């Protein structure tokens, strides 16, 4: 005879989270299960412990909870889902780091730091859902502003952008809404001045110059910041 016992709150939450297309907030889970917040939190803690050594895991991300593949199984999942593109290129990783740390950022600001045209790399990051359009910058030409996505946070196991590893003091920063470049070796200032003019609303008038780019050690630091969480 089939049992008529109602499933536990832990099981009900697992079912709701399994079908959720985005992180479910505490309010969402209370509404779905008609349970009190305290009971929900206790059941979520129980579910997280229950799933500790399973292929799926419970994660708190983006202001809510969701079920995701266990990070220990990430390589298997990537091989299954993305056989041709299971890794980001160094150029894509550097560009993603710039967007992550300086967002909201325009494409010209990204190009100004990298010193190369970044249309292809930015398009790739958008297609893979790491980067998204956030709006328009209120300057001449109203260039598009870019930022990272919730998928970016999940992919790099971050709850929020506050969890990004710190950059060295010499790295580019945003001050009063403007990207402050690194100190430049003699001979590059003219090239970077041309790029900087493009940042403030004239993106279509001036192309970035290829010899104006981050020094190798800072470029490596940007890459390492996202590729090596330790």
Protein backbone atom coordinates (compact mmCIF):
# COMPACT_ATOMS: atom_id res chain seq x y z
CA UNK A 1 0.00 0.00 0.00
CA UNK A 2 1.30 3.46 -0.92
CA UNK A 3 2.13 5.65 2.05
CA UNK A 4 -0.05 8.72 2.62
CA UNK A 5 2.49 10.42 4.87
CA UNK A 6 3.15 13.98 3.78
CA UNK A 7 6.76 14.71 2.75
CA UNK A 8 8.96 16.59 5.18
CA UNK A 9 9.52 20.31 4.81
CA UNK A 10 13.07 19.49 3.71
CA UNK A 11 11.75 17.34 0.85
CA UNK A 12 9.19 19.97 -0.14
CA UNK A 13 11.86 22.65 -0.29
CA UNK A 14 14.06 20.34 -2.35
CA UNK A 15 11.23 19.89 -4.86
CA UNK A 16 10.56 23.64 -5.09
CA UNK A 17 14.24 24.48 -5.51
CA UNK A 18 14.65 21.76 -8.13
CA UNK A 19 12.11 23.42 -10.45
CA UNK A 20 13.09 27.03 -9.65
CA UNK A 21 14.63 28.86 -12.61
CA UNK A 22 16.35 31.45 -10.38
CA UNK A 23 17.41 31.71 -6.73
CA UNK A 24 14.37 31.44 -4.44
CA UNK A 25 14.22 33.99 -1.63
CA UNK A 26 13.04 33.24 1.90
CA UNK A 27 9.78 35.00 1.05
CA UNK A 28 9.33 32.81 -2.05
CA UNK A 29 9.89 29.62 -0.07
CA UNK A 30 7.51 30.69 2.70
CA UNK A 31 4.81 31.39 0.12
CA UNK A 32 5.39 28.08 -1.68
CA UNK A 33 5.34 25.88 1.43
CA UNK A 34 3.14 27.96 3.77
CA UNK A 35 5.82 27.56 6.44
CA UNK A 36 7.33 30.08 8.87
CA UNK A 37 10.72 31.69 8.11
CA UNK A 38 12.37 29.99 11.10
CA UNK A 39 11.20 26.57 9.95
CA UNK A 40 12.37 27.31 6.40
CA UNK A 41 15.86 28.28 7.56
CA UNK A 42 16.15 25.16 9.72
CA UNK A 43 14.98 22.94 6.86
CA UNK A 44 17.42 24.62 4.43
CA UNK A 45 20.30 23.94 6.84
CA UNK A 46 19.14 20.32 7.08
CA UNK A 47 18.91 20.07 3.27
CA UNK A 48 22.40 21.56 2.82
CA UNK A 49 23.86 18.98 5.20
CA UNK A 50 21.88 16.16 3.54
CA UNK A 51 23.25 17.12 0.10
CA UNK A 52 26.85 17.70 1.21
CA UNK A 53 28.28 14.60 -0.54
CA UNK A 54 25.81 14.42 -3.42
CA UNK A 55 26.08 15.47 -7.06
CA UNK A 56 23.76 18.40 -6.36
CA UNK A 57 24.34 20.97 -3.64
CA UNK A 58 22.36 23.79 -2.03
CA UNK A 59 23.88 27.24 -2.44
CA UNK A 60 22.94 30.68 -1.20
CA UNK A 61 23.49 33.10 -4.07
CA UNK A 62 22.00 36.31 -5.39
CA UNK A 63 19.84 36.88 -2.29
CA UNK A 64 18.24 33.43 -2.38
CA UNK A 65 18.86 29.69 -2.53
CA UNK A 66 19.10 27.30 -5.44
CA UNK A 67 20.22 23.77 -6.25
CA UNK A 68 23.35 23.58 -8.40
CA UNK A 69 25.83 20.98 -9.52
CA UNK A 70 28.42 20.18 -6.86
CA UNK A 71 31.61 22.16 -7.67
CA UNK A 72 33.56 18.91 -7.39
CA UNK A 73 31.62 17.70 -10.45
CA UNK A 74 32.06 20.90 -12.47
CA UNK A 75 34.49 19.47 -15.03
CA UNK A 76 32.12 16.59 -15.82
CA UNK A 77 29.17 18.97 -16.20
CA UNK A 78 31.16 21.33 -18.43
CA UNK A 79 32.29 18.47 -20.66
CA UNK A 80 28.65 17.42 -21.00
CA UNK A 81 27.19 20.88 -21.62
CA UNK A 82 29.99 22.82 -23.30
CA UNK A 83 32.38 20.41 -25.04
CA UNK A 84 33.81 23.02 -27.45
CA UNK A 85 34.05 25.88 -24.92
CA UNK A 86 34.82 24.60 -21.47
CA UNK A 87 37.39 27.30 -20.69
CA UNK A 88 37.70 31.07 -21.17
CA UNK A 89 40.62 32.36 -23.19
CA UNK A 90 43.16 34.60 -21.42
CA UNK A 91 41.76 37.61 -23.34
CA UNK A 92 38.20 36.78 -22.28
CA UNK A 93 39.24 36.24 -18.66
CA UNK A 94 41.11 39.55 -18.57
CA UNK A 95 38.11 41.36 -20.08
CA UNK A 96 35.72 39.67 -17.66
CA UNK A 97 37.91 40.71 -14.73
CA UNK A 98 37.87 44.35 -15.89
CA UNK A 99 34.07 44.31 -16.18
CA UNK A 100 33.67 42.58 -12.81
CA UNK A 101 35.85 45.01 -10.88
CA UNK A 102 34.94 48.28 -12.63
CA UNK A 103 31.26 47.78 -13.53
CA UNK A 104 29.24 49.50 -14.80
CA UNK A 105 31.76 49.96 -17.59
CA UNK A 106 31.58 50.89 -21.27
CA UNK A 107 33.22 48.93 -24.03
CA UNK A 108 35.53 51.87 -24.71
CA UNK A 109 36.68 51.85 -21.07
CA UNK A 110 37.46 48.15 -21.40
CA UNK A 111 39.37 48.79 -24.62
CA UNK A 112 41.15 51.71 -23.02
CA UNK A 113 42.55 49.42 -20.34
CA UNK A 114 43.32 46.48 -22.61
CA UNK A 115 44.65 48.61 -25.45
CA UNK A 116 42.93 46.51 -28.12
CA UNK A 117 39.51 46.36 -29.76
CA UNK A 118 37.34 44.08 -27.62
CA UNK A 119 34.16 43.64 -29.70
CA UNK A 120 34.66 39.91 -30.26
CA UNK A 121 35.61 39.15 -26.66
CA UNK A 122 32.69 41.15 -25.25
CA UNK A 123 30.28 39.40 -27.63
CA UNK A 124 31.59 36.02 -26.48
CA UNK A 125 31.13 36.95 -22.81
CA UNK A 126 27.57 38.12 -23.54
CA UNK A 127 26.74 34.92 -25.45
CA UNK A 128 28.02 32.81 -22.57
CA UNK A 129 25.95 34.86 -20.11
CA UNK A 130 28.86 36.19 -18.07
CA UNK A 131 28.23 39.84 -19.08
CA UNK A 132 25.04 41.78 -19.70
CA UNK A 133 23.90 45.27 -20.69
CA UNK A 134 22.97 47.41 -17.68
CA UNK A 135 21.86 50.60 -19.41
CA UNK A 136 23.37 53.66 -21.06
CA UNK A 137 25.99 56.12 -19.83
CA UNK A 138 24.61 59.65 -19.80
CA UNK A 139 27.32 61.25 -21.93
CA UNK A 140 27.55 62.19 -25.60
CA UNK A 141 26.68 59.12 -27.67
CA UNK A 142 25.14 57.33 -24.65
CA UNK A 143 27.39 54.23 -24.84
CA UNK A 144 26.13 50.93 -23.41
CA UNK A 145 27.13 50.09 -19.84
CA UNK A 146 28.08 46.49 -19.07
CA UNK A 147 28.16 44.45 -15.89
CA UNK A 148 28.34 40.85 -14.78
CA UNK A 149 25.41 38.46 -14.46
CA UNK A 150 24.05 36.15 -11.81
CA UNK A 151 25.52 33.27 -13.84
CA UNK A 152 28.95 34.88 -13.40
CA UNK A 153 28.51 34.78 -9.61
CA UNK A 154 27.42 31.14 -9.72
CA UNK A 155 30.24 30.12 -12.07
CA UNK A 156 32.92 31.61 -9.83
CA UNK A 157 31.21 30.48 -6.60
CA UNK A 158 30.54 34.03 -5.38
CA UNK A 159 27.54 35.13 -3.33
CA UNK A 160 28.03 38.77 -4.38
CA UNK A 161 30.60 41.05 -6.00
CA UNK A 162 31.87 41.84 -2.49
CA UNK A 163 33.41 38.35 -2.51
CA UNK A 164 35.76 39.18 -5.39
CA UNK A 165 39.39 38.85 -4.30
CA UNK A 166 41.09 42.21 -3.70
CA UNK A 167 43.27 43.72 -6.42
CA UNK A 168 46.66 45.31 -5.79
CA UNK A 169 46.76 49.05 -5.06
CA UNK A 170 48.30 49.70 -8.49
CA UNK A 171 45.35 48.20 -10.39
CA UNK A 172 42.89 50.43 -12.32
CA UNK A 173 40.15 51.98 -10.19
CA UNK A 174 36.95 53.97 -10.68
CA UNK A 175 36.96 57.35 -8.94
CA UNK A 176 33.99 59.74 -9.20
CA UNK A 177 32.60 57.66 -12.04
CA UNK A 178 35.81 57.77 -14.08
CA UNK A 179 38.23 54.91 -14.69
CA UNK A 180 41.67 55.86 -13.37
CA UNK A 181 44.38 54.25 -15.45
CA UNK A 182 47.68 52.84 -14.25
CA UNK A 183 50.85 54.94 -14.22
CA UNK A 184 52.20 54.66 -17.77
CA UNK A 185 55.76 54.09 -18.95
CA UNK A 186 57.21 57.00 -20.90
CA UNK A 187 56.15 56.87 -24.55
CA UNK A 188 52.66 55.45 -23.99
CA UNK A 189 50.98 58.57 -22.62
CA UNK A 190 50.02 59.96 -26.01
CA UNK A 191 48.47 56.68 -27.13
CA UNK A 192 46.52 56.32 -23.88
CA UNK A 193 45.35 59.94 -24.07
CA UNK A 194 43.76 59.13 -27.42
CA UNK A 195 42.00 56.11 -25.92
CA UNK A 196 40.87 58.09 -22.88
CA UNK A 197 39.24 60.68 -25.16
CA UNK A 198 37.18 57.83 -26.62
CA UNK A 199 35.85 56.79 -23.23
CA UNK A 200 33.75 59.88 -22.66
CA UNK A 201 31.09 59.40 -25.29
CA UNK A 202 33.11 59.32 -28.52
CA UNK A 203 33.51 55.57 -28.87
CA UNK A 204 32.86 55.54 -32.60
CA UNK A 205 35.32 58.34 -33.43
CA UNK A 206 38.66 57.06 -32.15
CA UNK A 207 40.02 53.51 -32.20
CA UNK A 208 42.09 52.12 -29.36
CA UNK A 209 45.79 51.80 -30.18
CA UNK A 210 47.34 48.36 -29.93
CA UNK A 211 50.54 49.40 -28.14
CA UNK A 212 48.68 50.96 -25.21
CA UNK A 213 47.85 48.16 -22.81
CA UNK A 214 48.23 46.95 -19.27
CA UNK A 215 51.68 45.90 -18.13
CA UNK A 216 52.18 42.14 -18.11
CA UNK A 217 52.26 41.80 -14.34
CA UNK A 218 48.98 43.70 -13.83
CA UNK A 219 47.30 41.81 -16.64
CA UNK A 220 48.36 38.62 -14.90
CA UNK A 221 47.01 39.92 -11.61
CA UNK A 222 43.61 40.60 -13.15
CA UNK A 223 43.55 37.11 -14.63
CA UNK A 224 44.73 35.48 -11.42
CA UNK A 225 42.13 37.31 -9.36
CA UNK A 226 39.34 35.30 -10.98
CA UNK A 227 41.14 32.12 -11.96
CA UNK A 228 42.76 31.47 -8.57
CA UNK A 229 40.38 32.18 -5.64
CA UNK A 230 43.11 31.40 -3.11
